[in-house]
N, C-alpha and C. Protein backbone atom coordinates (compact mmCIF):
# COMPACT_ATOMS: atom_id res chain seq x y z
N MET A 1 -0.37 56.10 33.85
CA MET A 1 -1.29 54.96 33.92
C MET A 1 -1.61 54.46 32.51
N ALA A 2 -1.90 55.41 31.63
CA ALA A 2 -2.23 55.05 30.25
C ALA A 2 -1.02 54.42 29.58
N GLN A 3 0.19 54.97 29.87
CA GLN A 3 1.42 54.43 29.28
C GLN A 3 1.67 53.01 29.76
N ALA A 4 1.35 52.75 31.02
CA ALA A 4 1.54 51.40 31.58
C ALA A 4 0.66 50.40 30.87
N LYS A 5 -0.58 50.80 30.55
CA LYS A 5 -1.50 49.90 29.84
C LYS A 5 -0.99 49.61 28.43
N ILE A 6 -0.43 50.66 27.79
CA ILE A 6 0.09 50.48 26.43
C ILE A 6 1.26 49.49 26.43
N ASN A 7 2.16 49.68 27.44
CA ASN A 7 3.32 48.77 27.55
C ASN A 7 2.88 47.34 27.82
N ALA A 8 1.87 47.18 28.65
CA ALA A 8 1.37 45.84 28.98
C ALA A 8 0.78 45.17 27.75
N LYS A 9 0.06 45.96 26.95
CA LYS A 9 -0.55 45.42 25.73
C LYS A 9 0.52 44.99 24.73
N ALA A 10 1.59 45.78 24.63
CA ALA A 10 2.67 45.46 23.70
C ALA A 10 3.38 44.18 24.12
N ASN A 11 3.62 44.08 25.45
CA ASN A 11 4.28 42.87 25.96
C ASN A 11 3.42 41.63 25.72
N GLU A 12 2.11 41.79 25.87
CA GLU A 12 1.19 40.67 25.64
C GLU A 12 1.24 40.22 24.19
N GLY A 13 1.34 41.20 23.29
CA GLY A 13 1.42 40.87 21.86
C GLY A 13 2.69 40.10 21.54
N ARG A 14 3.81 40.57 22.15
CA ARG A 14 5.07 39.87 21.90
C ARG A 14 5.02 38.47 22.45
N PHE A 15 4.40 38.28 23.59
CA PHE A 15 4.28 36.95 24.21
C PHE A 15 3.45 36.02 23.34
N CYS A 16 2.36 36.55 22.80
CA CYS A 16 1.48 35.74 21.95
C CYS A 16 2.22 35.31 20.69
N ARG A 17 2.98 36.30 20.11
CA ARG A 17 3.72 35.95 18.90
C ARG A 17 4.78 34.91 19.19
N SER A 18 5.49 35.06 20.32
CA SER A 18 6.53 34.10 20.69
C SER A 18 5.94 32.73 20.93
N SER A 19 4.81 32.71 21.64
CA SER A 19 4.15 31.44 21.93
C SER A 19 3.68 30.78 20.64
N SER A 20 3.12 31.57 19.73
CA SER A 20 2.64 31.04 18.46
C SER A 20 3.79 30.49 17.63
N MET A 21 4.92 31.20 17.58
CA MET A 21 6.08 30.74 16.83
C MET A 21 6.63 29.45 17.43
N ALA A 22 6.65 29.35 18.73
CA ALA A 22 7.15 28.15 19.39
C ALA A 22 6.26 26.95 19.07
N ASP A 23 4.93 27.20 19.04
CA ASP A 23 4.00 26.12 18.71
C ASP A 23 4.21 25.63 17.28
N ARG A 24 4.37 26.61 16.37
CA ARG A 24 4.58 26.24 14.97
C ARG A 24 5.89 25.46 14.81
N SER A 25 6.92 25.94 15.47
CA SER A 25 8.22 25.26 15.40
C SER A 25 8.12 23.83 15.94
N SER A 26 7.37 23.67 17.03
CA SER A 26 7.19 22.35 17.62
C SER A 26 6.44 21.42 16.68
N ARG A 27 5.40 21.95 16.03
CA ARG A 27 4.62 21.14 15.09
C ARG A 27 5.47 20.72 13.89
N LEU A 28 6.27 21.68 13.39
CA LEU A 28 7.14 21.38 12.24
C LEU A 28 8.17 20.32 12.60
N LEU A 29 8.73 20.45 13.79
CA LEU A 29 9.71 19.46 14.25
C LEU A 29 9.09 18.08 14.39
N GLU A 30 7.88 18.04 14.91
CA GLU A 30 7.16 16.77 15.05
C GLU A 30 6.88 16.15 13.68
N SER A 31 6.52 16.99 12.72
CA SER A 31 6.27 16.50 11.36
C SER A 31 7.54 15.91 10.75
N LEU A 32 8.67 16.60 10.96
CA LEU A 32 9.93 16.11 10.43
C LEU A 32 10.36 14.81 11.10
N ASP A 33 10.09 14.69 12.40
CA ASP A 33 10.39 13.45 13.12
C ASP A 33 9.61 12.29 12.54
N GLN A 34 8.34 12.53 12.23
CA GLN A 34 7.49 11.50 11.63
C GLN A 34 7.98 11.13 10.22
N LEU A 35 8.38 12.15 9.48
CA LEU A 35 8.89 11.90 8.13
C LEU A 35 10.21 11.13 8.17
N GLU A 36 11.02 11.41 9.16
CA GLU A 36 12.29 10.68 9.30
C GLU A 36 12.03 9.19 9.52
N LEU A 37 11.03 8.88 10.32
CA LEU A 37 10.67 7.48 10.55
C LEU A 37 10.23 6.82 9.25
N ARG A 38 9.47 7.55 8.45
CA ARG A 38 9.00 6.99 7.18
C ARG A 38 10.15 6.82 6.18
N VAL A 39 11.09 7.77 6.21
CA VAL A 39 12.26 7.67 5.33
C VAL A 39 13.07 6.42 5.68
N GLU A 40 13.29 6.20 6.97
CA GLU A 40 14.05 5.02 7.40
C GLU A 40 13.30 3.74 7.06
N ALA A 41 11.97 3.78 7.21
CA ALA A 41 11.15 2.61 6.85
C ALA A 41 11.26 2.33 5.35
N LEU A 42 11.29 3.40 4.55
CA LEU A 42 11.43 3.26 3.10
C LEU A 42 12.78 2.62 2.75
N ARG A 43 13.85 3.09 3.38
CA ARG A 43 15.18 2.53 3.13
C ARG A 43 15.25 1.07 3.53
N GLU A 44 14.64 0.74 4.67
CA GLU A 44 14.64 -0.65 5.13
C GLU A 44 13.86 -1.55 4.17
N ALA A 45 12.72 -1.05 3.68
CA ALA A 45 11.91 -1.82 2.73
C ALA A 45 12.67 -2.02 1.42
N ALA A 46 13.34 -0.97 0.95
CA ALA A 46 14.11 -1.08 -0.29
C ALA A 46 15.28 -2.03 -0.12
N THR A 47 15.92 -1.99 1.03
CA THR A 47 17.03 -2.91 1.31
C THR A 47 16.54 -4.34 1.34
N ALA A 48 15.34 -4.55 1.91
CA ALA A 48 14.75 -5.89 1.95
C ALA A 48 14.48 -6.40 0.53
N VAL A 49 14.03 -5.51 -0.36
CA VAL A 49 13.80 -5.89 -1.76
C VAL A 49 15.12 -6.24 -2.43
N GLU A 50 16.17 -5.47 -2.16
CA GLU A 50 17.51 -5.77 -2.69
C GLU A 50 17.95 -7.17 -2.27
N GLN A 51 17.78 -7.47 -1.00
CA GLN A 51 18.18 -8.77 -0.47
C GLN A 51 17.36 -9.90 -1.09
N GLU A 52 16.05 -9.68 -1.24
CA GLU A 52 15.19 -10.70 -1.83
C GLU A 52 15.60 -10.96 -3.28
N LYS A 53 15.97 -9.92 -3.99
CA LYS A 53 16.43 -10.09 -5.37
C LYS A 53 17.68 -10.95 -5.41
N GLU A 54 18.63 -10.68 -4.52
CA GLU A 54 19.87 -11.46 -4.46
C GLU A 54 19.57 -12.93 -4.15
N ILE A 55 18.66 -13.15 -3.21
CA ILE A 55 18.31 -14.52 -2.81
C ILE A 55 17.65 -15.27 -3.96
N LEU A 56 16.73 -14.61 -4.65
CA LEU A 56 16.04 -15.25 -5.77
C LEU A 56 17.01 -15.63 -6.89
N LEU A 57 17.92 -14.71 -7.23
CA LEU A 57 18.90 -15.01 -8.27
C LEU A 57 19.79 -16.18 -7.86
N GLU A 58 20.16 -16.20 -6.60
CA GLU A 58 21.00 -17.31 -6.10
C GLU A 58 20.25 -18.64 -6.15
N MET A 59 18.97 -18.62 -5.80
CA MET A 59 18.17 -19.85 -5.81
C MET A 59 17.96 -20.36 -7.23
N ILE A 60 17.68 -19.44 -8.16
CA ILE A 60 17.50 -19.85 -9.56
C ILE A 60 18.80 -20.46 -10.10
N HIS A 61 19.91 -19.82 -9.80
CA HIS A 61 21.22 -20.33 -10.23
C HIS A 61 21.48 -21.70 -9.62
N SER A 62 21.09 -21.88 -8.35
CA SER A 62 21.29 -23.15 -7.66
C SER A 62 20.48 -24.27 -8.32
N VAL A 63 19.25 -23.95 -8.71
CA VAL A 63 18.41 -24.95 -9.39
C VAL A 63 19.05 -25.36 -10.72
N GLN A 64 19.54 -24.37 -11.46
CA GLN A 64 20.13 -24.66 -12.77
C GLN A 64 21.38 -25.55 -12.65
N ASN A 65 22.08 -25.43 -11.53
CA ASN A 65 23.33 -26.18 -11.37
C ASN A 65 23.20 -27.34 -10.38
N SER A 66 21.97 -27.71 -10.08
CA SER A 66 21.75 -28.78 -9.11
C SER A 66 22.04 -30.15 -9.72
N GLN A 67 22.26 -31.13 -8.84
CA GLN A 67 22.50 -32.49 -9.29
C GLN A 67 21.26 -33.08 -9.96
N ASP A 68 20.09 -32.71 -9.47
CA ASP A 68 18.84 -33.20 -10.07
C ASP A 68 18.74 -32.78 -11.53
N MET A 69 19.22 -31.56 -11.84
CA MET A 69 19.15 -31.08 -13.21
C MET A 69 20.03 -31.92 -14.14
N ARG A 70 21.10 -32.51 -13.58
CA ARG A 70 21.98 -33.33 -14.40
C ARG A 70 21.43 -34.73 -14.63
N GLN A 71 20.44 -35.11 -13.84
CA GLN A 71 19.94 -36.49 -13.90
C GLN A 71 18.59 -36.61 -14.60
N ILE A 72 18.25 -35.63 -15.44
CA ILE A 72 17.02 -35.70 -16.23
C ILE A 72 17.39 -35.70 -17.70
N SER A 73 16.42 -35.91 -18.54
CA SER A 73 16.69 -35.99 -19.98
C SER A 73 17.09 -34.62 -20.52
N ASP A 74 17.75 -34.63 -21.68
CA ASP A 74 18.19 -33.38 -22.29
C ASP A 74 17.01 -32.47 -22.61
N GLY A 75 15.91 -33.07 -23.09
CA GLY A 75 14.74 -32.27 -23.43
C GLY A 75 14.13 -31.60 -22.21
N GLU A 76 14.02 -32.36 -21.11
CA GLU A 76 13.47 -31.80 -19.88
C GLU A 76 14.40 -30.72 -19.33
N ARG A 77 15.70 -30.97 -19.41
CA ARG A 77 16.67 -30.00 -18.90
C ARG A 77 16.58 -28.70 -19.69
N GLU A 78 16.45 -28.81 -20.99
CA GLU A 78 16.35 -27.61 -21.84
C GLU A 78 15.10 -26.81 -21.51
N GLU A 79 13.99 -27.51 -21.30
CA GLU A 79 12.73 -26.82 -20.98
C GLU A 79 12.81 -26.13 -19.62
N LEU A 80 13.41 -26.82 -18.63
CA LEU A 80 13.53 -26.23 -17.30
C LEU A 80 14.50 -25.04 -17.31
N ASN A 81 15.57 -25.14 -18.10
CA ASN A 81 16.51 -24.02 -18.18
C ASN A 81 15.87 -22.80 -18.84
N LEU A 82 15.00 -23.03 -19.80
CA LEU A 82 14.27 -21.91 -20.41
C LEU A 82 13.41 -21.20 -19.37
N THR A 83 12.72 -22.01 -18.54
CA THR A 83 11.89 -21.43 -17.48
C THR A 83 12.75 -20.68 -16.47
N ALA A 84 13.90 -21.27 -16.08
CA ALA A 84 14.80 -20.63 -15.12
C ALA A 84 15.35 -19.32 -15.68
N ASN A 85 15.72 -19.33 -16.96
CA ASN A 85 16.24 -18.11 -17.58
C ASN A 85 15.17 -17.02 -17.66
N ARG A 86 13.92 -17.45 -17.90
CA ARG A 86 12.83 -16.49 -17.94
C ARG A 86 12.64 -15.85 -16.56
N LEU A 87 12.68 -16.67 -15.53
CA LEU A 87 12.53 -16.16 -14.16
C LEU A 87 13.68 -15.23 -13.79
N MET A 88 14.88 -15.62 -14.21
CA MET A 88 16.04 -14.78 -13.90
C MET A 88 15.92 -13.43 -14.62
N GLY A 89 15.46 -13.46 -15.86
CA GLY A 89 15.29 -12.22 -16.61
C GLY A 89 14.27 -11.31 -15.96
N ARG A 90 13.18 -11.88 -15.50
CA ARG A 90 12.14 -11.07 -14.85
C ARG A 90 12.65 -10.52 -13.51
N THR A 91 13.45 -11.31 -12.81
CA THR A 91 14.01 -10.84 -11.54
C THR A 91 14.95 -9.66 -11.77
N LEU A 92 15.73 -9.73 -12.85
CA LEU A 92 16.69 -8.67 -13.14
C LEU A 92 16.03 -7.37 -13.58
N THR A 93 14.74 -7.44 -13.96
CA THR A 93 14.03 -6.21 -14.33
C THR A 93 13.71 -5.36 -13.10
N VAL A 94 13.81 -5.95 -11.93
CA VAL A 94 13.56 -5.20 -10.69
C VAL A 94 14.85 -4.50 -10.29
N GLU A 95 14.83 -3.18 -10.32
CA GLU A 95 16.02 -2.40 -9.98
C GLU A 95 15.74 -1.53 -8.77
N VAL A 96 16.46 -1.82 -7.71
CA VAL A 96 16.34 -1.04 -6.47
C VAL A 96 17.74 -0.66 -6.03
N SER A 97 17.92 0.60 -5.70
CA SER A 97 19.24 1.05 -5.28
C SER A 97 19.12 1.89 -4.02
N VAL A 98 19.78 1.44 -2.97
CA VAL A 98 19.81 2.19 -1.71
C VAL A 98 21.24 2.68 -1.50
N GLU A 99 21.45 3.96 -1.71
CA GLU A 99 22.79 4.53 -1.58
C GLU A 99 23.15 4.70 -0.11
N THR A 100 24.38 4.37 0.20
CA THR A 100 24.88 4.52 1.56
C THR A 100 25.73 5.78 1.66
N ILE A 101 25.42 6.60 2.64
CA ILE A 101 26.19 7.83 2.85
C ILE A 101 27.47 7.47 3.61
N ARG A 102 28.62 7.82 3.00
CA ARG A 102 29.91 7.47 3.59
C ARG A 102 30.83 8.69 3.65
N ASN A 103 31.65 8.73 4.67
CA ASN A 103 32.71 9.73 4.69
C ASN A 103 33.92 9.13 3.97
N PRO A 104 34.94 9.93 3.67
CA PRO A 104 36.09 9.42 2.91
C PRO A 104 36.76 8.19 3.53
N GLN A 105 36.85 8.15 4.86
CA GLN A 105 37.47 7.01 5.54
C GLN A 105 36.65 5.74 5.33
N GLN A 106 35.31 5.86 5.44
CA GLN A 106 34.44 4.71 5.24
C GLN A 106 34.49 4.23 3.79
N GLN A 107 34.59 5.16 2.85
CA GLN A 107 34.71 4.81 1.44
C GLN A 107 35.98 4.00 1.18
N GLU A 108 37.07 4.45 1.78
CA GLU A 108 38.34 3.75 1.59
C GLU A 108 38.32 2.37 2.25
N SER A 109 37.68 2.27 3.41
CA SER A 109 37.58 0.98 4.10
C SER A 109 36.77 -0.01 3.28
N LEU A 110 35.68 0.47 2.66
CA LEU A 110 34.85 -0.40 1.82
C LEU A 110 35.65 -0.92 0.63
N LYS A 111 36.40 -0.02 -0.02
CA LYS A 111 37.21 -0.44 -1.16
C LYS A 111 38.23 -1.50 -0.75
N HIS A 112 38.84 -1.30 0.40
CA HIS A 112 39.86 -2.23 0.90
C HIS A 112 39.23 -3.60 1.19
N ALA A 113 38.08 -3.61 1.87
CA ALA A 113 37.41 -4.86 2.20
C ALA A 113 36.96 -5.60 0.93
N THR A 114 36.42 -4.85 -0.03
CA THR A 114 35.97 -5.45 -1.29
C THR A 114 37.15 -6.06 -2.05
N ARG A 115 38.28 -5.36 -2.04
CA ARG A 115 39.47 -5.85 -2.75
C ARG A 115 39.97 -7.17 -2.13
N ILE A 116 39.92 -7.27 -0.81
CA ILE A 116 40.37 -8.50 -0.14
C ILE A 116 39.48 -9.68 -0.52
N ILE A 117 38.15 -9.47 -0.51
CA ILE A 117 37.21 -10.54 -0.87
C ILE A 117 37.40 -10.94 -2.33
N ASP A 118 37.55 -9.96 -3.20
CA ASP A 118 37.73 -10.25 -4.63
C ASP A 118 38.98 -11.08 -4.87
N GLU A 119 40.04 -10.80 -4.12
CA GLU A 119 41.29 -11.56 -4.26
C GLU A 119 41.09 -13.02 -3.88
N VAL A 120 40.31 -13.26 -2.82
CA VAL A 120 40.03 -14.64 -2.40
C VAL A 120 39.19 -15.35 -3.46
N VAL A 121 38.18 -14.65 -3.98
CA VAL A 121 37.30 -15.24 -5.00
C VAL A 121 38.10 -15.61 -6.24
N SER A 122 39.08 -14.81 -6.61
CA SER A 122 39.88 -15.08 -7.82
C SER A 122 40.69 -16.36 -7.70
N LYS A 123 40.86 -16.86 -6.46
CA LYS A 123 41.65 -18.08 -6.24
C LYS A 123 40.79 -19.33 -6.10
N PHE A 124 39.48 -19.21 -6.32
CA PHE A 124 38.57 -20.35 -6.18
C PHE A 124 39.02 -21.54 -7.02
N LEU A 125 39.32 -21.28 -8.29
CA LEU A 125 39.64 -22.38 -9.21
C LEU A 125 40.98 -23.01 -8.88
N ASP A 126 41.90 -22.23 -8.32
CA ASP A 126 43.23 -22.75 -8.00
C ASP A 126 43.23 -23.63 -6.76
N ASP A 127 42.54 -23.18 -5.73
CA ASP A 127 42.54 -23.93 -4.46
C ASP A 127 41.25 -23.63 -3.71
N LEU A 128 40.21 -24.41 -4.01
CA LEU A 128 38.89 -24.15 -3.42
C LEU A 128 38.90 -24.33 -1.91
N GLY A 129 39.61 -25.35 -1.44
CA GLY A 129 39.65 -25.62 0.01
C GLY A 129 40.27 -24.48 0.79
N ASN A 130 41.41 -23.98 0.32
CA ASN A 130 42.09 -22.88 0.99
C ASN A 130 41.27 -21.60 0.91
N ALA A 131 40.61 -21.39 -0.24
CA ALA A 131 39.77 -20.20 -0.41
C ALA A 131 38.60 -20.24 0.57
N LYS A 132 38.03 -21.43 0.77
CA LYS A 132 36.92 -21.58 1.71
C LYS A 132 37.37 -21.24 3.13
N SER A 133 38.54 -21.74 3.52
CA SER A 133 39.06 -21.46 4.87
C SER A 133 39.30 -19.96 5.07
N HIS A 134 39.82 -19.33 4.02
CA HIS A 134 40.07 -17.88 4.09
C HIS A 134 38.76 -17.12 4.22
N LEU A 135 37.76 -17.52 3.44
CA LEU A 135 36.45 -16.86 3.52
C LEU A 135 35.83 -17.04 4.89
N MET A 136 36.00 -18.22 5.49
CA MET A 136 35.46 -18.47 6.83
C MET A 136 36.09 -17.51 7.85
N SER A 137 37.39 -17.27 7.72
CA SER A 137 38.05 -16.35 8.66
C SER A 137 37.58 -14.91 8.45
N LEU A 138 37.27 -14.57 7.18
CA LEU A 138 36.73 -13.23 6.89
C LEU A 138 35.32 -13.10 7.45
N TYR A 139 34.53 -14.17 7.27
CA TYR A 139 33.15 -14.14 7.78
C TYR A 139 33.14 -14.06 9.31
N SER A 140 34.04 -14.79 9.94
CA SER A 140 34.12 -14.75 11.41
C SER A 140 34.46 -13.34 11.90
N ALA A 141 35.21 -12.61 11.09
CA ALA A 141 35.57 -11.23 11.45
C ALA A 141 34.36 -10.30 11.43
N CYS A 142 33.29 -10.72 10.71
CA CYS A 142 32.08 -9.90 10.62
C CYS A 142 31.00 -10.35 11.61
N SER A 143 31.23 -11.44 12.29
CA SER A 143 30.20 -11.99 13.18
C SER A 143 30.28 -11.39 14.57
N SER A 144 29.12 -11.11 15.14
CA SER A 144 29.07 -10.58 16.50
C SER A 144 29.11 -11.70 17.53
N GLU A 145 28.93 -12.95 17.07
CA GLU A 145 28.96 -14.11 17.96
C GLU A 145 30.38 -14.66 18.05
N VAL A 146 30.58 -15.55 19.00
CA VAL A 146 31.90 -16.17 19.15
C VAL A 146 32.13 -17.09 17.97
N PRO A 147 33.14 -16.82 17.15
CA PRO A 147 33.35 -17.62 15.93
C PRO A 147 33.89 -19.01 16.25
N PRO A 148 33.53 -20.01 15.45
CA PRO A 148 34.00 -21.37 15.68
C PRO A 148 35.44 -21.58 15.24
N GLY A 149 35.94 -20.67 14.41
CA GLY A 149 37.30 -20.82 13.88
C GLY A 149 38.09 -19.55 14.00
N PRO A 150 39.22 -19.49 13.30
CA PRO A 150 40.09 -18.30 13.36
C PRO A 150 39.43 -17.06 12.77
N VAL A 151 39.86 -15.91 13.26
CA VAL A 151 39.32 -14.62 12.81
C VAL A 151 40.44 -13.83 12.15
N ASP A 152 40.16 -13.26 10.99
CA ASP A 152 41.11 -12.40 10.31
C ASP A 152 41.05 -11.03 10.98
N GLN A 153 41.97 -10.77 11.89
CA GLN A 153 41.95 -9.55 12.68
C GLN A 153 42.13 -8.30 11.82
N LYS A 154 42.97 -8.39 10.81
CA LYS A 154 43.20 -7.24 9.93
C LYS A 154 41.91 -6.89 9.18
N PHE A 155 41.24 -7.91 8.67
CA PHE A 155 39.99 -7.67 7.93
C PHE A 155 38.93 -7.12 8.88
N GLN A 156 38.92 -7.60 10.11
CA GLN A 156 37.94 -7.13 11.09
C GLN A 156 38.09 -5.64 11.34
N SER A 157 39.33 -5.18 11.47
CA SER A 157 39.56 -3.74 11.71
C SER A 157 39.14 -2.91 10.50
N ILE A 158 39.29 -3.49 9.30
CA ILE A 158 38.88 -2.78 8.08
C ILE A 158 37.36 -2.68 8.02
N VAL A 159 36.67 -3.77 8.33
CA VAL A 159 35.20 -3.79 8.28
C VAL A 159 34.61 -2.83 9.31
N ILE A 160 35.23 -2.77 10.49
CA ILE A 160 34.75 -1.86 11.52
C ILE A 160 34.81 -0.41 11.04
N GLY A 161 35.74 -0.12 10.15
CA GLY A 161 35.86 1.24 9.60
C GLY A 161 34.84 1.55 8.53
N CYS A 162 34.05 0.54 8.11
CA CYS A 162 33.02 0.76 7.08
C CYS A 162 31.74 1.29 7.70
N ALA A 163 30.88 1.87 6.87
CA ALA A 163 29.56 2.29 7.32
C ALA A 163 28.76 1.05 7.74
N LEU A 164 27.82 1.23 8.65
CA LEU A 164 27.07 0.10 9.20
C LEU A 164 26.35 -0.69 8.10
N GLU A 165 25.74 0.01 7.15
CA GLU A 165 25.04 -0.66 6.05
C GLU A 165 26.01 -1.48 5.21
N ASP A 166 27.21 -0.95 5.00
CA ASP A 166 28.22 -1.67 4.23
C ASP A 166 28.70 -2.91 4.99
N GLN A 167 28.79 -2.81 6.30
CA GLN A 167 29.19 -3.97 7.11
C GLN A 167 28.20 -5.12 6.91
N LYS A 168 26.91 -4.79 6.88
CA LYS A 168 25.88 -5.81 6.67
C LYS A 168 25.98 -6.42 5.27
N LYS A 169 26.24 -5.57 4.27
CA LYS A 169 26.36 -6.06 2.90
C LYS A 169 27.58 -6.96 2.72
N ILE A 170 28.68 -6.60 3.37
CA ILE A 170 29.89 -7.43 3.30
C ILE A 170 29.62 -8.80 3.91
N LYS A 171 28.95 -8.81 5.03
CA LYS A 171 28.63 -10.09 5.69
C LYS A 171 27.71 -10.94 4.81
N ARG A 172 26.70 -10.31 4.18
CA ARG A 172 25.79 -11.05 3.30
C ARG A 172 26.54 -11.62 2.10
N ARG A 173 27.47 -10.85 1.55
CA ARG A 173 28.23 -11.35 0.39
C ARG A 173 29.06 -12.57 0.79
N LEU A 174 29.69 -12.52 1.94
CA LEU A 174 30.49 -13.65 2.40
C LEU A 174 29.61 -14.88 2.65
N GLU A 175 28.41 -14.66 3.20
CA GLU A 175 27.48 -15.76 3.42
C GLU A 175 27.11 -16.42 2.09
N THR A 176 26.84 -15.60 1.07
CA THR A 176 26.47 -16.12 -0.25
C THR A 176 27.63 -16.90 -0.87
N LEU A 177 28.83 -16.38 -0.77
CA LEU A 177 30.00 -17.07 -1.31
C LEU A 177 30.22 -18.42 -0.63
N LEU A 178 30.06 -18.45 0.68
CA LEU A 178 30.25 -19.70 1.42
C LEU A 178 29.18 -20.72 1.05
N ARG A 179 27.94 -20.25 0.84
CA ARG A 179 26.88 -21.18 0.42
C ARG A 179 27.18 -21.74 -0.97
N ASN A 180 27.67 -20.88 -1.85
CA ASN A 180 28.01 -21.34 -3.20
C ASN A 180 29.12 -22.38 -3.17
N ILE A 181 30.11 -22.17 -2.31
CA ILE A 181 31.20 -23.14 -2.18
C ILE A 181 30.67 -24.46 -1.64
N GLU A 182 29.78 -24.37 -0.64
CA GLU A 182 29.20 -25.58 -0.05
C GLU A 182 28.40 -26.35 -1.10
N ASN A 183 27.64 -25.64 -1.90
CA ASN A 183 26.87 -26.29 -2.97
C ASN A 183 27.80 -26.94 -3.99
N SER A 184 28.91 -26.27 -4.28
CA SER A 184 29.89 -26.83 -5.23
C SER A 184 30.51 -28.09 -4.67
N ASP A 185 30.82 -28.06 -3.37
CA ASP A 185 31.39 -29.25 -2.72
C ASP A 185 30.43 -30.42 -2.81
N LYS A 186 29.15 -30.14 -2.54
CA LYS A 186 28.14 -31.21 -2.59
C LYS A 186 28.02 -31.78 -3.99
N ALA A 187 28.02 -30.89 -4.99
CA ALA A 187 27.91 -31.34 -6.37
C ALA A 187 29.09 -32.22 -6.76
N ILE A 188 30.31 -31.80 -6.31
CA ILE A 188 31.50 -32.57 -6.62
C ILE A 188 31.45 -33.93 -5.94
N ARG A 189 31.02 -33.96 -4.66
CA ARG A 189 30.93 -35.24 -3.93
C ARG A 189 29.92 -36.17 -4.57
N LEU A 190 28.77 -35.61 -4.98
CA LEU A 190 27.75 -36.42 -5.63
C LEU A 190 28.25 -36.97 -6.96
N LEU A 191 28.98 -36.12 -7.70
CA LEU A 191 29.52 -36.56 -8.99
C LEU A 191 30.54 -37.66 -8.80
N GLU A 192 31.43 -37.49 -7.79
CA GLU A 192 32.43 -38.51 -7.52
C GLU A 192 31.78 -39.81 -7.04
N HIS A 193 30.72 -39.66 -6.24
CA HIS A 193 30.01 -40.83 -5.75
C HIS A 193 29.35 -41.60 -6.90
N SER A 194 28.70 -40.84 -7.81
CA SER A 194 28.04 -41.49 -8.94
C SER A 194 29.05 -42.15 -9.86
N LYS A 195 30.23 -41.50 -10.04
CA LYS A 195 31.27 -42.10 -10.86
C LYS A 195 31.81 -43.37 -10.20
N GLY A 196 31.98 -43.30 -8.87
CA GLY A 196 32.48 -44.47 -8.15
C GLY A 196 31.50 -45.63 -8.22
N ALA A 197 30.22 -45.30 -8.07
CA ALA A 197 29.19 -46.35 -8.13
C ALA A 197 29.13 -46.95 -9.53
N ALA A 198 29.25 -46.10 -10.56
CA ALA A 198 29.22 -46.60 -11.93
C ALA A 198 30.43 -47.48 -12.22
N SER A 199 31.59 -47.06 -11.70
CA SER A 199 32.81 -47.84 -11.91
C SER A 199 32.72 -49.20 -11.22
N LYS A 200 32.14 -49.18 -10.01
CA LYS A 200 31.97 -50.42 -9.27
C LYS A 200 31.01 -51.36 -9.98
N THR A 201 29.95 -50.81 -10.55
CA THR A 201 28.97 -51.61 -11.29
C THR A 201 29.61 -52.25 -12.52
N LEU A 202 30.42 -51.45 -13.24
CA LEU A 202 31.09 -51.97 -14.42
C LEU A 202 32.06 -53.09 -14.05
N GLN A 203 32.75 -52.89 -12.93
CA GLN A 203 33.70 -53.90 -12.48
C GLN A 203 32.99 -55.20 -12.11
N GLN A 204 31.85 -55.07 -11.41
CA GLN A 204 31.08 -56.25 -11.04
C GLN A 204 30.55 -56.97 -12.27
N ASN A 205 30.08 -56.19 -13.26
CA ASN A 205 29.57 -56.79 -14.50
C ASN A 205 30.67 -57.54 -15.23
N ALA A 206 31.87 -56.93 -15.22
CA ALA A 206 32.99 -57.60 -15.90
C ALA A 206 33.36 -58.88 -15.18
N GLU A 207 33.37 -58.83 -13.84
CA GLU A 207 33.69 -60.05 -13.08
C GLU A 207 32.66 -61.13 -13.30
N ASN A 208 31.37 -60.74 -13.41
CA ASN A 208 30.31 -61.72 -13.63
C ASN A 208 30.44 -62.41 -14.98
N ARG A 209 30.92 -61.62 -15.97
CA ARG A 209 31.08 -62.21 -17.29
C ARG A 209 32.17 -63.27 -17.31
N PHE A 210 33.21 -63.03 -16.52
CA PHE A 210 34.33 -63.99 -16.50
C PHE A 210 34.02 -65.19 -15.64
N ASN A 211 33.07 -65.06 -14.69
CA ASN A 211 32.75 -66.18 -13.77
C ASN A 211 31.74 -67.14 -14.43
């Protein structure tokens, strides 16, 4: 009888210890789950800062190369460029880096995708129109929506092999390049239009002098 009580007491102790260890393990796991959420929130916030930095630099560059900037006095242009350069310098002081964890296959896919985009960019000066069409097909390969034009199937398979974060960055880079090309097209059209209007005015003035 006494031995039975001793055994029961020992079993109760083991049960209490097991229960206590399980509770502690559960609490620790819950803490780690909460920390994981905060880590992901931190990465998302840092990524948002990275994107905002890219957008700001692009906007400052766009202002510096806008048609309005060409149509003001040299003194005003110089003063505005000083302000733009100051803003760009301050923007560049913000350094945020979010490293993407990749396996060897994803690393190789990223290098391949980057090399393809770089090759298209290198041909901008030679044939802007063809480069734009090529970029559009690359961008369509990254879109989850039904693309309006042709899709580069080879590039699409390469992008799919990249890490998810890299896929988003590749798409953002293509969007930025296409916007830059569009802005360049507009600037060229405005310049040609202004030259045409000036030529027409000169021609009319010459005709008026002879009449």
